């Protein structure tokens, strides 16, 4: 059976990075290390793009204030 568009897409992981806006200082460390460019940064907040996030946790490990956690999708 040939792969279809829906079966050939990379499935995201079971986890998703989540940013606590109350703790986040918008230092951009997470966006710098994200291997799939799933984090967008503005002057006032950081946003994780769920369609890109693979749940690898690299951003969690570099956040200096612990504002990022992995949650279930």
PDB file of N, CA and C in Angstrom:
ATOM      1  N   UNK A   1       0.844  -1.179   0.000  1.00  0.00           N
ATOM      2  CA  UNK A   1       0.000   0.000   0.000  1.00  0.00           C
ATOM      3  C   UNK A   1       0.891   1.244   0.000  1.00  0.00           C
ATOM      4  N   UNK A   2       0.667   2.155  -0.909  1.00  0.00           N
ATOM      5  CA  UNK A   2       1.469   3.372  -1.019  1.00  0.00           C
ATOM      6  C   UNK A   2       1.100   4.347   0.087  1.00  0.00           C
ATOM      7  N   UNK A   3       2.101   5.077   0.621  1.00  0.00           N
ATOM      8  CA  UNK A   3       1.792   6.045   1.677  1.00  0.00           C
ATOM      9  C   UNK A   3       0.946   7.187   1.129  1.00  0.00           C
ATOM     10  N   UNK A   4       0.011   7.626   1.919  1.00  0.00           N
ATOM     11  CA  UNK A   4      -0.823   8.767   1.537  1.00  0.00           C
ATOM     12  C   UNK A   4      -0.294  10.007   2.230  1.00  0.00           C
ATOM     13  N   UNK A   5      -0.853  11.146   1.911  1.00  0.00           N
ATOM     14  CA  UNK A   5      -0.418  12.397   2.529  1.00  0.00           C
ATOM     15  C   UNK A   5      -0.566  12.337   4.041  1.00  0.00           C
ATOM     16  N   UNK A   6      -1.623  11.693   4.531  1.00  0.00           N
ATOM     17  CA  UNK A   6      -1.840  11.654   5.974  1.00  0.00           C
ATOM     18  C   UNK A   6      -0.913  10.673   6.682  1.00  0.00           C
ATOM     19  N   UNK A   7      -0.484   9.589   6.021  1.00  0.00           N
ATOM     20  CA  UNK A   7       0.376   8.620   6.681  1.00  0.00           C
ATOM     21  C   UNK A   7       1.851   8.953   6.536  1.00  0.00           C
ATOM     22  N   UNK A   8       2.209   9.801   5.573  1.00  0.00           N
ATOM     23  CA  UNK A   8       3.618  10.100   5.387  1.00  0.00           C
ATOM     24  C   UNK A   8       4.081  11.316   6.186  1.00  0.00           C
ATOM     25  N   UNK A   9       3.149  12.062   6.777  1.00  0.00           N
ATOM     26  CA  UNK A   9       3.526  13.210   7.593  1.00  0.00           C
ATOM     27  C   UNK A   9       4.149  12.738   8.895  1.00  0.00           C
ATOM     28  N   UNK A  10       5.113  13.512   9.383  1.00  0.00           N
ATOM     29  CA  UNK A  10       5.732  13.187  10.667  1.00  0.00           C
ATOM     30  C   UNK A  10       4.735  13.448  11.785  1.00  0.00           C
ATOM     31  N   UNK A  11       4.471  12.447  12.595  1.00  0.00           N
ATOM     32  CA  UNK A  11       3.540  12.622  13.699  1.00  0.00           C
ATOM     33  C   UNK A  11       4.249  13.318  14.852  1.00  0.00           C
ATOM     34  N   UNK A  12       3.590  14.303  15.482  1.00  0.00           N
ATOM     35  CA  UNK A  12       4.208  14.975  16.613  1.00  0.00           C
ATOM     36  C   UNK A  12       4.284  14.047  17.819  1.00  0.00           C
ATOM     37  N   UNK A  13       5.182  14.372  18.737  1.00  0.00           N
ATOM     38  CA  UNK A  13       5.322  13.570  19.949  1.00  0.00           C
ATOM     39  C   UNK A  13       4.098  13.707  20.836  1.00  0.00           C
ATOM     40  N   UNK A  14       4.081  12.957  21.919  1.00  0.00           N
ATOM     41  CA  UNK A  14       2.947  12.996  22.824  1.00  0.00           C
ATOM     42  C   UNK A  14       3.014  14.191  23.767  1.00  0.00           C
ATOM     43  N   UNK A  15       4.139  14.883  23.794  1.00  0.00           N
ATOM     44  CA  UNK A  15       4.316  16.035  24.674  1.00  0.00           C
ATOM     45  C   UNK A  15       4.379  17.312  23.851  1.00  0.00           C
ATOM     46  N   UNK A  16       4.124  18.412  24.523  1.00  0.00           N
ATOM     47  CA  UNK A  16       4.149  19.725  23.900  1.00  0.00           C
ATOM     48  C   UNK A  16       4.724  20.712  24.906  1.00  0.00           C
ATOM     49  N   UNK A  17       5.626  21.573  24.464  1.00  0.00           N
ATOM     50  CA  UNK A  17       6.182  22.597  25.346  1.00  0.00           C
ATOM     51  C   UNK A  17       5.105  23.628  25.647  1.00  0.00           C
ATOM     52  N   UNK A  18       5.064  24.072  26.905  1.00  0.00           N
ATOM     53  CA  UNK A  18       4.089  25.056  27.343  1.00  0.00           C
ATOM     54  C   UNK A  18       4.823  26.143  28.131  1.00  0.00           C
ATOM     55  N   UNK A  19       4.611  27.407  27.752  1.00  0.00           N
ATOM     56  CA  UNK A  19       5.297  28.526  28.394  1.00  0.00           C
ATOM     57  C   UNK A  19       4.366  29.205  29.382  1.00  0.00           C
ATOM     58  N   UNK A  20       4.837  29.370  30.622  1.00  0.00           N
ATOM     59  CA  UNK A  20       4.098  30.106  31.641  1.00  0.00           C
ATOM     60  C   UNK A  20       4.444  31.581  31.481  1.00  0.00           C
ATOM     61  N   UNK A  21       3.506  32.353  30.955  1.00  0.00           N
ATOM     62  CA  UNK A  21       3.727  33.761  30.691  1.00  0.00           C
ATOM     63  C   UNK A  21       4.015  34.587  31.927  1.00  0.00           C
ATOM     64  N   UNK A  22       3.577  34.112  33.096  1.00  0.00           N
ATOM     65  CA  UNK A  22       3.842  34.821  34.351  1.00  0.00           C
ATOM     66  C   UNK A  22       5.319  34.725  34.738  1.00  0.00           C
ATOM     67  N   UNK A  23       5.955  33.608  34.413  1.00  0.00           N
ATOM     68  CA  UNK A  23       7.356  33.394  34.775  1.00  0.00           C
ATOM     69  C   UNK A  23       8.336  33.819  33.690  1.00  0.00           C
ATOM     70  N   UNK A  24       7.896  33.744  32.449  1.00  0.00           N
ATOM     71  CA  UNK A  24       8.788  33.980  31.308  1.00  0.00           C
ATOM     72  C   UNK A  24       9.295  35.420  31.274  1.00  0.00           C
ATOM     73  N   UNK A  25      10.606  35.565  31.138  1.00  0.00           N
ATOM     74  CA  UNK A  25      11.219  36.882  31.023  1.00  0.00           C
ATOM     75  C   UNK A  25      11.546  37.249  29.586  1.00  0.00           C
ATOM     76  N   UNK A  26      11.117  36.439  28.630  1.00  0.00           N
ATOM     77  CA  UNK A  26      11.326  36.650  27.196  1.00  0.00           C
ATOM     78  C   UNK A  26      12.821  36.816  26.882  1.00  0.00           C
ATOM     79  N   UNK A  27      13.634  35.933  27.443  1.00  0.00           N
ATOM     80  CA  UNK A  27      15.087  36.001  27.216  1.00  0.00           C
ATOM     81  C   UNK A  27      15.496  35.410  25.868  1.00  0.00           C
ATOM     82  N   UNK A  28      14.617  34.636  25.249  1.00  0.00           N
ATOM     83  CA  UNK A  28      14.811  34.027  23.945  1.00  0.00           C
ATOM     84  C   UNK A  28      15.742  32.814  23.925  1.00  0.00           C
ATOM     85  N   UNK A  29      16.178  32.338  25.080  1.00  0.00           N
ATOM     86  CA  UNK A  29      17.060  31.167  25.128  1.00  0.00           C
ATOM     87  C   UNK A  29      16.383  29.953  24.493  1.00  0.00           C
ATOM     88  N   UNK A  30      15.103  29.778  24.747  1.00  0.00           N
ATOM     89  CA  UNK A  30      14.367  28.629  24.225  1.00  0.00           C
ATOM     90  C   UNK A  30      14.304  28.649  22.698  1.00  0.00           C
ATOM     91  N   UNK A  31      14.012  29.800  22.146  1.00  0.00           N
ATOM     92  CA  UNK A  31      13.909  29.928  20.689  1.00  0.00           C
ATOM     93  C   UNK A  31      15.246  29.680  20.019  1.00  0.00           C
ATOM     94  N   UNK A  32      16.310  30.063  20.693  1.00  0.00           N
ATOM     95  CA  UNK A  32      17.650  29.887  20.144  1.00  0.00           C
ATOM     96  C   UNK A  32      18.028  28.413  20.000  1.00  0.00           C
ATOM     97  N   UNK A  33      17.587  27.584  20.938  1.00  0.00           N
ATOM     98  CA  UNK A  33      17.990  26.174  20.925  1.00  0.00           C
ATOM     99  C   UNK A  33      16.978  25.226  20.296  1.00  0.00           C
ATOM    100  N   UNK A  34      15.775  25.684  20.003  1.00  0.00           N
ATOM    101  CA  UNK A  34      14.750  24.798  19.454  1.00  0.00           C
ATOM    102  C   UNK A  34      15.192  24.246  18.100  1.00  0.00           C
ATOM    103  N   UNK A  35      15.322  22.916  18.001  1.00  0.00           N
ATOM    104  CA  UNK A  35      15.815  22.320  16.753  1.00  0.00           C
ATOM    105  C   UNK A  35      14.826  22.358  15.587  1.00  0.00           C
ATOM    106  N   UNK A  36      13.558  22.648  15.886  1.00  0.00           N
ATOM    107  CA  UNK A  36      12.550  22.662  14.820  1.00  0.00           C
ATOM    108  C   UNK A  36      11.890  24.030  14.645  1.00  0.00           C
ATOM    109  N   UNK A  37      12.463  25.058  15.252  1.00  0.00           N
ATOM    110  CA  UNK A  37      11.941  26.430  15.157  1.00  0.00           C
ATOM    111  C   UNK A  37      10.458  26.513  15.507  1.00  0.00           C
ATOM    112  N   UNK A  38      10.094  25.870  16.617  1.00  0.00           N
ATOM    113  CA  UNK A  38       8.698  25.838  17.043  1.00  0.00           C
ATOM    114  C   UNK A  38       8.351  26.939  18.038  1.00  0.00           C
ATOM    115  N   UNK A  39       9.297  27.845  18.299  1.00  0.00           N
ATOM    116  CA  UNK A  39       9.062  28.898  19.288  1.00  0.00           C
ATOM    117  C   UNK A  39       9.196  30.264  18.637  1.00  0.00           C
ATOM    118  N   UNK A  40       8.134  31.048  18.774  1.00  0.00           N
ATOM    119  CA  UNK A  40       8.142  32.418  18.255  1.00  0.00           C
ATOM    120  C   UNK A  40       8.241  33.376  19.429  1.00  0.00           C
ATOM    121  N   UNK A  41       9.034  34.423  19.254  1.00  0.00           N
ATOM    122  CA  UNK A  41       9.255  35.401  20.319  1.00  0.00           C
ATOM    123  C   UNK A  41       8.872  36.787  19.822  1.00  0.00           C
ATOM    124  N   UNK A  42       8.127  37.505  20.648  1.00  0.00           N
ATOM    125  CA  UNK A  42       7.832  38.916  20.374  1.00  0.00           C
ATOM    126  C   UNK A  42       8.479  39.714  21.506  1.00  0.00           C
ATOM    127  N   UNK A  43       8.242  40.998  21.535  1.00  0.00           N
ATOM    128  CA  UNK A  43       8.800  41.825  22.608  1.00  0.00           C
ATOM    129  C   UNK A  43       8.220  41.468  23.968  1.00  0.00           C
ATOM    130  N   UNK A  44       6.998  40.978  23.988  1.00  0.00           N
ATOM    131  CA  UNK A  44       6.338  40.765  25.271  1.00  0.00           C
ATOM    132  C   UNK A  44       5.966  39.320  25.619  1.00  0.00           C
ATOM    133  N   UNK A  45       6.108  38.386  24.681  1.00  0.00           N
ATOM    134  CA  UNK A  45       5.771  37.004  25.026  1.00  0.00           C
ATOM    135  C   UNK A  45       6.455  35.997  24.105  1.00  0.00           C
ATOM    136  N   UNK A  46       6.419  34.733  24.562  1.00  0.00           N
ATOM    137  CA  UNK A  46       6.966  33.598  23.819  1.00  0.00           C
ATOM    138  C   UNK A  46       5.807  32.653  23.535  1.00  0.00           C
ATOM    139  N   UNK A  47       5.727  32.162  22.307  1.00  0.00           N
ATOM    140  CA  UNK A  47       4.643  31.271  21.913  1.00  0.00           C
ATOM    141  C   UNK A  47       5.206  30.015  21.259  1.00  0.00           C
ATOM    142  N   UNK A  48       4.710  28.860  21.694  1.00  0.00           N
ATOM    143  CA  UNK A  48       5.096  27.583  21.101  1.00  0.00           C
ATOM    144  C   UNK A  48       4.087  27.246  20.010  1.00  0.00           C
ATOM    145  N   UNK A  49       4.590  26.876  18.840  1.00  0.00           N
ATOM    146  CA  UNK A  49       3.735  26.484  17.724  1.00  0.00           C
ATOM    147  C   UNK A  49       3.498  24.975  17.808  1.00  0.00           C
ATOM    148  N   UNK A  50       2.304  24.550  18.224  1.00  0.00           N
ATOM    149  CA  UNK A  50       2.049  23.121  18.440  1.00  0.00           C
ATOM    150  C   UNK A  50       2.247  22.261  17.208  1.00  0.00           C
ATOM    151  N   UNK A  51       1.996  22.817  16.036  1.00  0.00           N
ATOM    152  CA  UNK A  51       2.153  22.030  14.817  1.00  0.00           C
ATOM    153  C   UNK A  51       3.614  21.734  14.496  1.00  0.00           C
ATOM    154  N   UNK A  52       4.542  22.486  15.091  1.00  0.00           N
ATOM    155  CA  UNK A  52       5.960  22.251  14.866  1.00  0.00           C
ATOM    156  C   UNK A  52       6.651  21.555  16.033  1.00  0.00           C
ATOM    157  N   UNK A  53       6.152  21.772  17.246  1.00  0.00           N
ATOM    158  CA  UNK A  53       6.814  21.246  18.447  1.00  0.00           C
ATOM    159  C   UNK A  53       6.820  19.715  18.449  1.00  0.00           C
ATOM    160  N   UNK A  54       8.000  19.144  18.689  1.00  0.00           N
ATOM    161  CA  UNK A  54       8.130  17.688  18.745  1.00  0.00           C
ATOM    162  C   UNK A  54       8.171  17.164  20.178  1.00  0.00           C
ATOM    163  N   UNK A  55       8.165  18.062  21.155  1.00  0.00           N
ATOM    164  CA  UNK A  55       8.179  17.646  22.554  1.00  0.00           C
ATOM    165  C   UNK A  55       9.527  17.137  23.021  1.00  0.00           C
ATOM    166  N   UNK A  56      10.605  17.588  22.398  1.00  0.00           N
ATOM    167  CA  UNK A  56      11.945  17.082  22.734  1.00  0.00           C
ATOM    168  C   UNK A  56      12.441  17.551  24.104  1.00  0.00           C
ATOM    169  N   UNK A  57      11.976  18.701  24.576  1.00  0.00           N
ATOM    170  CA  UNK A  57      12.350  19.186  25.895  1.00  0.00           C
ATOM    171  C   UNK A  57      13.621  20.007  25.976  1.00  0.00           C
ATOM    172  N   UNK A  58      14.257  20.287  24.858  1.00  0.00           N
ATOM    173  CA  UNK A  58      15.490  21.080  24.881  1.00  0.00           C
ATOM    174  C   UNK A  58      15.206  22.461  25.467  1.00  0.00           C
ATOM    175  N   UNK A  59      14.084  23.051  25.097  1.00  0.00           N
ATOM    176  CA  UNK A  59      13.734  24.384  25.601  1.00  0.00           C
ATOM    177  C   UNK A  59      13.555  24.373  27.119  1.00  0.00           C
ATOM    178  N   UNK A  60      12.996  23.295  27.637  1.00  0.00           N
ATOM    179  CA  UNK A  60      12.795  23.162  29.081  1.00  0.00           C
ATOM    180  C   UNK A  60      14.137  23.204  29.801  1.00  0.00           C
ATOM    181  N   UNK A  61      15.120  22.522  29.243  1.00  0.00           N
ATOM    182  CA  UNK A  61      16.423  22.425  29.900  1.00  0.00           C
ATOM    183  C   UNK A  61      17.214  23.726  29.894  1.00  0.00           C
ATOM    184  N   UNK A  62      16.926  24.641  28.975  1.00  0.00           N
ATOM    185  CA  UNK A  62      17.696  25.893  28.924  1.00  0.00           C
ATOM    186  C   UNK A  62      16.981  27.081  29.550  1.00  0.00           C
ATOM    187  N   UNK A  63      15.724  26.952  29.886  1.00  0.00           N
ATOM    188  CA  UNK A  63      14.985  28.083  30.451  1.00  0.00           C
ATOM    189  C   UNK A  63      15.544  28.425  31.835  1.00  0.00           C
ATOM    190  N   UNK A  64      16.079  29.640  32.001  1.00  0.00           N
ATOM    191  CA  UNK A  64      16.726  29.997  33.270  1.00  0.00           C
ATOM    192  C   UNK A  64      15.754  30.200  34.436  1.00  0.00           C
ATOM    193  N   UNK A  65      14.467  30.367  34.151  1.00  0.00           N
ATOM    194  CA  UNK A  65      13.505  30.608  35.225  1.00  0.00           C
ATOM    195  C   UNK A  65      12.476  29.492  35.372  1.00  0.00           C
ATOM    196  N   UNK A  66      12.612  28.424  34.604  1.00  0.00           N
ATOM    197  CA  UNK A  66      11.696  27.292  34.698  1.00  0.00           C
ATOM    198  C   UNK A  66      10.294  27.603  34.205  1.00  0.00           C
ATOM    199  N   UNK A  67      10.186  28.490  33.213  1.00  0.00           N
ATOM    200  CA  UNK A  67       8.881  28.887  32.703  1.00  0.00           C
ATOM    201  C   UNK A  67       8.306  27.914  31.684  1.00  0.00           C
ATOM    202  N   UNK A  68       9.100  26.941  31.243  1.00  0.00           N
ATOM    203  CA  UNK A  68       8.623  26.011  30.218  1.00  0.00           C
ATOM    204  C   UNK A  68       8.522  24.605  30.798  1.00  0.00           C
ATOM    205  N   UNK A  69       7.397  23.978  30.544  1.00  0.00           N
ATOM    206  CA  UNK A  69       7.190  22.593  30.957  1.00  0.00           C
ATOM    207  C   UNK A  69       6.657  21.817  29.751  1.00  0.00           C
ATOM    208  N   UNK A  70       6.750  20.503  29.829  1.00  0.00           N
ATOM    209  CA  UNK A  70       6.155  19.654  28.804  1.00  0.00           C
ATOM    210  C   UNK A  70       4.821  19.166  29.313  1.00  0.00           C
ATOM    211  N   UNK A  71       3.798  19.309  28.479  1.00  0.00           N
ATOM    212  CA  UNK A  71       2.461  18.859  28.855  1.00  0.00           C
ATOM    213  C   UNK A  71       1.992  17.817  27.841  1.00  0.00           C
ATOM    214  N   UNK A  72       0.969  17.080  28.214  1.00  0.00           N
ATOM    215  CA  UNK A  72       0.362  16.113  27.286  1.00  0.00           C
ATOM    216  C   UNK A  72      -0.375  16.886  26.197  1.00  0.00           C
ATOM    217  N   UNK A  73      -0.304  16.382  24.982  1.00  0.00           N
ATOM    218  CA  UNK A  73      -1.041  17.010  23.874  1.00  0.00           C
ATOM    219  C   UNK A  73      -2.517  16.795  24.027  1.00  0.00           C
TER     220      UNK A  73
END
